[in-house]
């Protein structure tokens, strides 16, 4: 069976940056997604189209087909008082904020100096080329529930 819309795809993968550092990996057929439901980045989903169980591929994804280009306008300096918390702010902490379009955005603290805090709303992998080593472990038809909910159901799914 070939990968196409409304198929559940089970993968093993290793994701590396251009310096060959491992960013993420999933082995033992633990990663599954619903093809065509925008559950994974567009570049990888496009590369997997028409592949089948047992296929292996190496694919390099440009930032625009991954997590987007790094956008300097997503970096802002804000007052420490905007954070309602008792403990000390630390670089690397993440918070949810309202995006300009009214949606939710995750921001990461990148610098704390006095009463000024720098936050970055870019995805941590924005602007980075993504290098995937992928093996297709299985392809199956999605269930009716999976299609209705837009994602794969597995152990512990509460739908």
N, C-alpha and C. Protein backbone atom coordinates (compact mmCIF):
# COMPACT_ATOMS: atom_id res chain seq x y z
N UNK A 1 0.84 -1.18 0.00
CA UNK A 1 0.00 0.00 0.00
C UNK A 1 0.89 1.24 0.00
N UNK A 2 0.57 2.18 -0.86
CA UNK A 2 1.34 3.41 -0.97
C UNK A 2 0.80 4.49 -0.04
N UNK A 3 1.70 5.38 0.37
CA UNK A 3 1.31 6.50 1.22
C UNK A 3 0.54 7.50 0.38
N UNK A 4 -0.64 7.85 0.86
CA UNK A 4 -1.47 8.87 0.23
C UNK A 4 -2.41 9.42 1.30
N UNK A 5 -3.24 10.37 0.92
CA UNK A 5 -4.16 10.99 1.88
C UNK A 5 -5.01 9.93 2.56
N UNK A 6 -5.27 10.16 3.84
CA UNK A 6 -6.12 9.30 4.67
C UNK A 6 -5.50 7.95 4.99
N UNK A 7 -4.19 7.86 4.88
CA UNK A 7 -3.46 6.65 5.29
C UNK A 7 -2.71 6.96 6.58
N UNK A 8 -2.64 5.98 7.46
CA UNK A 8 -1.82 6.09 8.65
C UNK A 8 -0.44 5.55 8.29
N UNK A 9 0.57 6.33 8.59
CA UNK A 9 1.95 5.98 8.25
C UNK A 9 2.74 5.83 9.55
N UNK A 10 3.45 4.73 9.65
CA UNK A 10 4.29 4.47 10.83
C UNK A 10 5.74 4.51 10.37
N UNK A 11 6.53 5.33 11.07
CA UNK A 11 7.91 5.59 10.65
C UNK A 11 8.91 5.33 11.76
N UNK A 12 10.12 5.02 11.36
CA UNK A 12 11.31 5.19 12.17
C UNK A 12 12.05 6.35 11.51
N UNK A 13 12.59 7.25 12.33
CA UNK A 13 13.34 8.36 11.72
C UNK A 13 14.41 8.87 12.67
N UNK A 14 15.40 9.49 12.07
CA UNK A 14 16.40 10.28 12.78
C UNK A 14 16.45 11.63 12.09
N UNK A 15 16.39 12.68 12.88
CA UNK A 15 16.45 14.05 12.37
C UNK A 15 17.75 14.67 12.83
N UNK A 16 18.51 15.22 11.87
CA UNK A 16 19.79 15.87 12.17
C UNK A 16 19.83 17.26 11.55
N UNK A 17 20.68 18.11 12.14
CA UNK A 17 20.93 19.41 11.53
C UNK A 17 22.07 19.27 10.52
N UNK A 18 22.49 20.38 9.93
CA UNK A 18 23.55 20.33 8.92
C UNK A 18 24.91 19.99 9.50
N UNK A 19 25.06 20.08 10.82
CA UNK A 19 26.33 19.70 11.46
C UNK A 19 26.31 18.25 11.94
N UNK A 20 25.30 17.50 11.52
CA UNK A 20 25.16 16.08 11.84
C UNK A 20 24.81 15.82 13.31
N UNK A 21 24.30 16.85 13.99
CA UNK A 21 23.82 16.68 15.37
C UNK A 21 22.41 16.11 15.35
N UNK A 22 22.15 15.10 16.16
CA UNK A 22 20.81 14.53 16.24
C UNK A 22 19.90 15.49 17.00
N UNK A 23 18.82 15.88 16.35
CA UNK A 23 17.83 16.77 16.95
C UNK A 23 16.71 15.95 17.59
N UNK A 24 16.31 14.90 16.89
CA UNK A 24 15.20 14.06 17.36
C UNK A 24 15.29 12.72 16.65
N UNK A 25 14.69 11.71 17.26
CA UNK A 25 14.57 10.43 16.59
C UNK A 25 13.45 9.62 17.21
N UNK A 26 12.93 8.71 16.42
CA UNK A 26 11.91 7.79 16.89
C UNK A 26 12.18 6.44 16.23
N UNK A 27 12.33 5.43 17.05
CA UNK A 27 12.63 4.09 16.56
C UNK A 27 11.55 3.13 17.05
N UNK A 28 11.67 1.87 16.72
CA UNK A 28 10.74 0.83 17.16
C UNK A 28 9.30 1.10 16.75
N UNK A 29 9.12 1.75 15.58
CA UNK A 29 7.79 2.01 15.02
C UNK A 29 6.88 2.72 16.00
N UNK A 30 7.43 3.70 16.71
CA UNK A 30 6.66 4.43 17.72
C UNK A 30 6.03 5.72 17.18
N UNK A 31 6.38 6.13 15.97
CA UNK A 31 5.86 7.39 15.42
C UNK A 31 4.86 7.09 14.31
N UNK A 32 3.65 7.60 14.47
CA UNK A 32 2.61 7.42 13.46
C UNK A 32 1.93 8.76 13.19
N UNK A 33 1.55 8.97 11.95
CA UNK A 33 0.82 10.20 11.61
C UNK A 33 -0.22 9.88 10.54
N UNK A 34 -1.18 10.80 10.39
CA UNK A 34 -2.23 10.68 9.39
C UNK A 34 -1.83 11.53 8.19
N UNK A 35 -1.53 10.87 7.07
CA UNK A 35 -1.05 11.57 5.88
C UNK A 35 -2.16 12.47 5.33
N UNK A 36 -1.77 13.72 5.02
CA UNK A 36 -2.71 14.67 4.45
C UNK A 36 -3.44 15.51 5.49
N UNK A 37 -3.20 15.26 6.76
CA UNK A 37 -3.89 15.99 7.83
C UNK A 37 -3.00 17.05 8.47
N UNK A 38 -1.88 17.35 7.84
CA UNK A 38 -0.93 18.35 8.33
C UNK A 38 -0.45 18.03 9.74
N UNK A 39 -0.21 16.75 10.01
CA UNK A 39 0.31 16.32 11.31
C UNK A 39 1.83 16.43 11.38
N UNK A 40 2.50 16.54 10.24
CA UNK A 40 3.95 16.67 10.20
C UNK A 40 4.30 17.83 9.27
N UNK A 41 5.56 18.23 9.26
CA UNK A 41 5.97 19.36 8.43
C UNK A 41 5.74 19.05 6.95
N UNK A 42 5.37 20.07 6.17
CA UNK A 42 5.02 19.86 4.76
C UNK A 42 6.12 19.19 3.93
N UNK A 43 7.36 19.57 4.12
CA UNK A 43 8.44 19.00 3.32
C UNK A 43 8.59 17.51 3.49
N UNK A 44 8.45 17.03 4.73
CA UNK A 44 8.56 15.59 4.96
C UNK A 44 7.33 14.88 4.44
N UNK A 45 6.16 15.45 4.65
CA UNK A 45 4.94 14.81 4.15
C UNK A 45 4.99 14.69 2.63
N UNK A 46 5.44 15.73 1.95
CA UNK A 46 5.55 15.68 0.49
C UNK A 46 6.55 14.62 0.04
N UNK A 47 7.67 14.50 0.74
CA UNK A 47 8.70 13.52 0.38
C UNK A 47 8.22 12.09 0.57
N UNK A 48 7.29 11.89 1.50
CA UNK A 48 6.79 10.54 1.79
C UNK A 48 5.66 10.10 0.86
N UNK A 49 5.04 11.02 0.16
CA UNK A 49 3.94 10.67 -0.74
C UNK A 49 4.37 9.58 -1.72
N UNK A 50 3.54 8.60 -1.88
CA UNK A 50 3.72 7.47 -2.80
C UNK A 50 4.77 6.46 -2.37
N UNK A 51 5.37 6.64 -1.19
CA UNK A 51 6.29 5.63 -0.67
C UNK A 51 5.47 4.48 -0.08
N UNK A 52 6.14 3.37 0.25
CA UNK A 52 5.44 2.18 0.75
C UNK A 52 6.25 1.56 1.88
N UNK A 53 5.63 0.61 2.56
CA UNK A 53 6.29 -0.10 3.65
C UNK A 53 7.64 -0.63 3.17
N UNK A 54 8.68 -0.41 3.99
CA UNK A 54 10.02 -0.88 3.65
C UNK A 54 10.88 0.15 2.95
N UNK A 55 10.24 1.21 2.40
CA UNK A 55 11.03 2.24 1.73
C UNK A 55 11.87 3.01 2.74
N UNK A 56 13.09 3.35 2.32
CA UNK A 56 13.99 4.16 3.12
C UNK A 56 14.36 5.38 2.31
N UNK A 57 14.46 6.52 2.97
CA UNK A 57 14.86 7.72 2.25
C UNK A 57 15.60 8.68 3.16
N UNK A 58 16.46 9.45 2.52
CA UNK A 58 17.15 10.56 3.16
C UNK A 58 16.62 11.80 2.48
N UNK A 59 16.15 12.74 3.28
CA UNK A 59 15.56 13.93 2.69
C UNK A 59 16.02 15.16 3.48
N UNK A 60 16.38 16.20 2.74
CA UNK A 60 16.78 17.48 3.34
C UNK A 60 15.65 18.47 3.10
N UNK A 61 15.15 19.02 4.19
CA UNK A 61 14.01 19.93 4.13
C UNK A 61 14.49 21.36 4.35
N UNK A 62 14.16 22.24 3.41
CA UNK A 62 14.47 23.66 3.56
C UNK A 62 13.57 24.25 4.65
N UNK A 63 14.03 25.31 5.33
CA UNK A 63 13.23 25.91 6.40
C UNK A 63 11.80 26.26 5.99
N UNK A 64 11.61 26.76 4.78
CA UNK A 64 10.25 27.16 4.37
C UNK A 64 9.30 25.96 4.31
N UNK A 65 9.81 24.75 4.15
CA UNK A 65 8.99 23.54 4.13
C UNK A 65 9.06 22.79 5.46
N UNK A 66 9.75 23.41 6.44
CA UNK A 66 9.88 22.83 7.77
C UNK A 66 9.14 23.69 8.78
N UNK A 67 9.92 24.40 9.59
CA UNK A 67 9.33 25.24 10.64
C UNK A 67 9.42 26.72 10.30
N UNK A 68 9.67 27.02 9.04
CA UNK A 68 9.69 28.39 8.57
C UNK A 68 11.05 29.05 8.72
N UNK A 69 11.18 30.16 8.07
CA UNK A 69 12.40 30.96 8.18
C UNK A 69 12.41 31.64 9.54
N UNK A 70 13.60 31.93 10.04
CA UNK A 70 13.71 32.66 11.30
C UNK A 70 13.26 34.09 11.04
N UNK A 71 12.34 34.60 11.86
CA UNK A 71 11.74 35.91 11.66
C UNK A 71 12.13 36.81 12.82
N UNK A 72 12.98 37.79 12.54
CA UNK A 72 13.47 38.70 13.59
C UNK A 72 12.34 39.46 14.27
N UNK A 73 11.24 39.69 13.57
CA UNK A 73 10.13 40.44 14.18
C UNK A 73 9.41 39.62 15.27
N UNK A 74 9.74 38.34 15.36
CA UNK A 74 9.16 37.49 16.41
C UNK A 74 9.95 37.57 17.71
N UNK A 75 11.02 38.37 17.73
CA UNK A 75 11.83 38.56 18.93
C UNK A 75 11.47 39.92 19.52
N UNK A 76 11.12 39.91 20.80
CA UNK A 76 10.70 41.16 21.44
C UNK A 76 11.31 41.28 22.83
N UNK A 77 11.52 42.51 23.24
CA UNK A 77 11.90 42.81 24.61
C UNK A 77 10.63 43.24 25.35
N UNK A 78 10.41 42.63 26.50
CA UNK A 78 9.22 42.95 27.31
C UNK A 78 9.65 43.19 28.75
N UNK A 79 8.79 43.82 29.50
CA UNK A 79 9.07 44.09 30.91
C UNK A 79 8.87 42.82 31.73
N UNK A 80 9.75 42.61 32.70
CA UNK A 80 9.66 41.45 33.60
C UNK A 80 8.27 41.37 34.24
N UNK A 81 7.65 42.50 34.50
CA UNK A 81 6.33 42.54 35.13
C UNK A 81 5.24 41.86 34.33
N UNK A 82 5.48 41.60 33.06
CA UNK A 82 4.48 40.90 32.24
C UNK A 82 4.38 39.42 32.61
N UNK A 83 5.34 38.93 33.39
CA UNK A 83 5.36 37.52 33.79
C UNK A 83 4.87 37.43 35.22
N UNK A 84 3.73 36.82 35.40
CA UNK A 84 3.15 36.67 36.73
C UNK A 84 3.66 35.37 37.34
N UNK A 85 4.83 35.47 37.95
CA UNK A 85 5.41 34.27 38.53
C UNK A 85 6.31 34.66 39.70
N UNK A 86 6.39 33.77 40.67
CA UNK A 86 7.17 34.05 41.87
C UNK A 86 8.64 33.67 41.70
N UNK A 87 8.91 32.58 40.96
CA UNK A 87 10.30 32.15 40.79
C UNK A 87 11.01 33.02 39.75
N UNK A 88 12.31 32.92 39.76
CA UNK A 88 13.16 33.70 38.86
C UNK A 88 12.99 33.25 37.41
N UNK A 89 12.91 34.19 36.49
CA UNK A 89 12.88 33.87 35.07
C UNK A 89 14.24 33.34 34.64
N UNK A 90 14.23 32.33 33.77
CA UNK A 90 15.49 31.76 33.29
C UNK A 90 15.45 31.60 31.78
N UNK A 91 16.61 31.75 31.17
CA UNK A 91 16.74 31.53 29.73
C UNK A 91 16.32 30.09 29.42
N UNK A 92 15.52 29.94 28.38
CA UNK A 92 15.03 28.62 27.98
C UNK A 92 13.60 28.34 28.42
N UNK A 93 13.10 29.09 29.40
CA UNK A 93 11.72 28.88 29.81
C UNK A 93 10.79 29.24 28.66
N UNK A 94 9.68 28.52 28.59
CA UNK A 94 8.70 28.79 27.53
C UNK A 94 7.36 29.17 28.15
N UNK A 95 6.66 30.05 27.46
CA UNK A 95 5.36 30.54 27.90
C UNK A 95 4.43 30.62 26.71
N UNK A 96 3.14 30.56 26.98
CA UNK A 96 2.13 30.78 25.94
C UNK A 96 1.76 32.26 25.95
N UNK A 97 1.66 32.81 24.77
CA UNK A 97 1.30 34.21 24.61
C UNK A 97 0.27 34.32 23.49
N UNK A 98 -0.42 35.44 23.45
CA UNK A 98 -1.38 35.65 22.37
C UNK A 98 -0.64 36.20 21.15
N UNK A 99 -0.87 35.55 20.03
CA UNK A 99 -0.25 35.97 18.77
C UNK A 99 -1.03 37.16 18.21
N UNK A 100 -0.43 37.91 17.28
CA UNK A 100 -1.11 39.05 16.67
C UNK A 100 -2.45 38.68 16.01
N UNK A 101 -2.56 37.43 15.54
CA UNK A 101 -3.81 37.00 14.89
C UNK A 101 -4.84 36.50 15.90
N UNK A 102 -4.51 36.59 17.20
CA UNK A 102 -5.44 36.14 18.24
C UNK A 102 -5.24 34.71 18.67
N UNK A 103 -4.41 33.95 17.93
CA UNK A 103 -4.13 32.56 18.30
C UNK A 103 -3.10 32.49 19.41
N UNK A 104 -2.73 31.28 19.76
CA UNK A 104 -1.72 31.09 20.80
C UNK A 104 -0.35 30.89 20.17
N UNK A 105 0.66 31.38 20.86
CA UNK A 105 2.03 31.33 20.39
C UNK A 105 2.91 30.92 21.57
N UNK A 106 3.84 30.03 21.35
CA UNK A 106 4.81 29.68 22.38
C UNK A 106 6.03 30.56 22.20
N UNK A 107 6.43 31.24 23.28
CA UNK A 107 7.62 32.08 23.24
C UNK A 107 8.66 31.51 24.20
N UNK A 108 9.91 31.67 23.84
CA UNK A 108 11.03 31.19 24.64
C UNK A 108 11.83 32.37 25.15
N UNK A 109 12.14 32.36 26.44
CA UNK A 109 12.99 33.40 27.03
C UNK A 109 14.41 33.17 26.54
N UNK A 110 14.99 34.19 25.90
CA UNK A 110 16.35 34.06 25.38
C UNK A 110 17.36 34.91 26.14
N UNK A 111 16.87 35.90 26.90
CA UNK A 111 17.78 36.74 27.66
C UNK A 111 17.00 37.44 28.77
N UNK A 112 17.64 37.57 29.94
CA UNK A 112 17.06 38.30 31.06
C UNK A 112 18.12 39.27 31.55
N UNK A 113 17.81 40.57 31.47
CA UNK A 113 18.74 41.61 31.94
C UNK A 113 17.95 42.63 32.73
N UNK A 114 18.14 42.59 34.05
CA UNK A 114 17.42 43.53 34.90
C UNK A 114 15.92 43.32 34.78
N UNK A 115 15.21 44.39 34.44
CA UNK A 115 13.75 44.31 34.30
C UNK A 115 13.31 44.05 32.86
N UNK A 116 14.29 43.76 31.99
CA UNK A 116 13.97 43.51 30.58
C UNK A 116 14.19 42.04 30.24
N UNK A 117 13.19 41.47 29.58
CA UNK A 117 13.24 40.06 29.19
C UNK A 117 13.08 39.98 27.68
N UNK A 118 13.97 39.23 27.03
CA UNK A 118 13.86 39.03 25.58
C UNK A 118 13.20 37.68 25.34
N UNK A 119 12.14 37.70 24.53
CA UNK A 119 11.43 36.46 24.18
C UNK A 119 11.44 36.28 22.68
N UNK A 120 11.46 35.02 22.25
CA UNK A 120 11.51 34.66 20.83
C UNK A 120 10.31 33.78 20.52
N UNK A 121 9.48 34.23 19.60
CA UNK A 121 8.29 33.48 19.20
C UNK A 121 8.53 32.54 18.02
N UNK A 122 9.76 32.49 17.51
CA UNK A 122 10.08 31.55 16.45
C UNK A 122 10.09 30.13 17.00
N UNK A 123 9.73 29.18 16.18
CA UNK A 123 9.89 27.78 16.57
C UNK A 123 11.39 27.54 16.74
N UNK A 124 11.80 26.72 17.72
CA UNK A 124 13.23 26.49 17.93
C UNK A 124 13.96 25.97 16.68
N UNK A 125 13.26 25.35 15.75
CA UNK A 125 13.90 24.84 14.53
C UNK A 125 13.68 25.74 13.32
N UNK A 126 13.13 26.94 13.53
CA UNK A 126 12.95 27.89 12.43
C UNK A 126 14.30 28.27 11.86
N UNK A 127 14.37 28.33 10.54
CA UNK A 127 15.60 28.74 9.86
C UNK A 127 16.63 27.64 9.71
N UNK A 128 16.30 26.44 10.15
CA UNK A 128 17.26 25.34 10.11
C UNK A 128 16.88 24.34 9.02
N UNK A 129 17.88 23.90 8.25
CA UNK A 129 17.65 22.80 7.31
C UNK A 129 17.54 21.52 8.13
N UNK A 130 16.56 20.71 7.81
CA UNK A 130 16.28 19.47 8.55
C UNK A 130 16.64 18.29 7.68
N UNK A 131 17.45 17.38 8.21
CA UNK A 131 17.91 16.22 7.46
C UNK A 131 17.34 14.96 8.11
N UNK A 132 16.44 14.31 7.39
CA UNK A 132 15.76 13.13 7.90
C UNK A 132 16.30 11.86 7.25
N UNK A 133 16.56 10.86 8.06
CA UNK A 133 16.76 9.48 7.61
C UNK A 133 15.50 8.76 8.05
N UNK A 134 14.73 8.27 7.09
CA UNK A 134 13.40 7.73 7.38
C UNK A 134 13.26 6.32 6.82
N UNK A 135 12.58 5.47 7.58
CA UNK A 135 12.17 4.16 7.09
C UNK A 135 10.68 4.02 7.33
N UNK A 136 9.94 3.69 6.27
CA UNK A 136 8.50 3.47 6.39
C UNK A 136 8.29 2.06 6.94
N UNK A 137 7.72 1.99 8.13
CA UNK A 137 7.53 0.71 8.80
C UNK A 137 6.20 0.06 8.45
N UNK A 138 5.18 0.90 8.21
CA UNK A 138 3.86 0.36 7.86
C UNK A 138 3.00 1.47 7.29
N UNK A 139 2.03 1.09 6.49
CA UNK A 139 1.02 1.99 5.94
C UNK A 139 -0.30 1.26 6.01
N UNK A 140 -1.32 1.92 6.56
CA UNK A 140 -2.65 1.30 6.64
C UNK A 140 -3.72 2.36 6.40
N UNK A 141 -4.93 1.89 6.14
CA UNK A 141 -6.06 2.80 6.03
C UNK A 141 -6.37 3.38 7.40
N UNK A 142 -6.72 4.65 7.45
CA UNK A 142 -7.13 5.28 8.70
C UNK A 142 -8.53 4.81 9.05
N UNK A 143 -8.82 4.75 10.34
CA UNK A 143 -10.18 4.41 10.78
C UNK A 143 -11.09 5.63 10.62
N UNK A 144 -12.36 5.40 10.71
CA UNK A 144 -13.33 6.48 10.63
C UNK A 144 -13.07 7.52 11.73
N UNK A 145 -12.82 7.05 12.95
CA UNK A 145 -12.55 7.96 14.07
C UNK A 145 -11.28 8.78 13.83
N UNK A 146 -10.24 8.14 13.31
CA UNK A 146 -9.00 8.87 13.04
C UNK A 146 -9.23 9.96 12.00
N UNK A 147 -10.01 9.65 10.97
CA UNK A 147 -10.31 10.65 9.95
C UNK A 147 -11.13 11.80 10.53
N UNK A 148 -12.10 11.48 11.37
CA UNK A 148 -12.94 12.52 11.99
C UNK A 148 -12.13 13.41 12.92
N UNK A 149 -11.18 12.83 13.65
CA UNK A 149 -10.41 13.60 14.61
C UNK A 149 -9.14 14.21 14.01
N UNK A 150 -8.73 13.76 12.83
CA UNK A 150 -7.59 14.35 12.14
C UNK A 150 -6.23 13.91 12.65
N UNK A 151 -6.20 12.80 13.40
CA UNK A 151 -4.92 12.28 13.87
C UNK A 151 -5.05 10.79 14.18
N UNK A 152 -3.91 10.15 14.33
CA UNK A 152 -3.86 8.70 14.59
C UNK A 152 -4.25 8.44 16.04
N UNK A 153 -5.03 7.39 16.23
CA UNK A 153 -5.38 6.96 17.58
C UNK A 153 -4.50 5.80 17.98
N UNK A 154 -4.05 5.83 19.19
CA UNK A 154 -3.20 4.75 19.69
C UNK A 154 -3.49 4.54 21.15
N UNK A 155 -2.66 3.77 21.81
CA UNK A 155 -2.85 3.52 23.24
C UNK A 155 -2.91 4.84 24.03
N UNK A 156 -3.90 4.93 24.89
CA UNK A 156 -4.04 6.11 25.72
C UNK A 156 -4.79 7.27 25.08
N UNK A 157 -5.21 7.11 23.84
CA UNK A 157 -5.97 8.18 23.18
C UNK A 157 -7.32 8.29 23.88
N UNK A 158 -7.72 9.50 24.24
CA UNK A 158 -8.92 9.68 25.04
C UNK A 158 -10.16 10.04 24.24
N UNK A 159 -10.17 9.76 22.95
CA UNK A 159 -11.37 10.05 22.15
C UNK A 159 -12.35 8.91 22.28
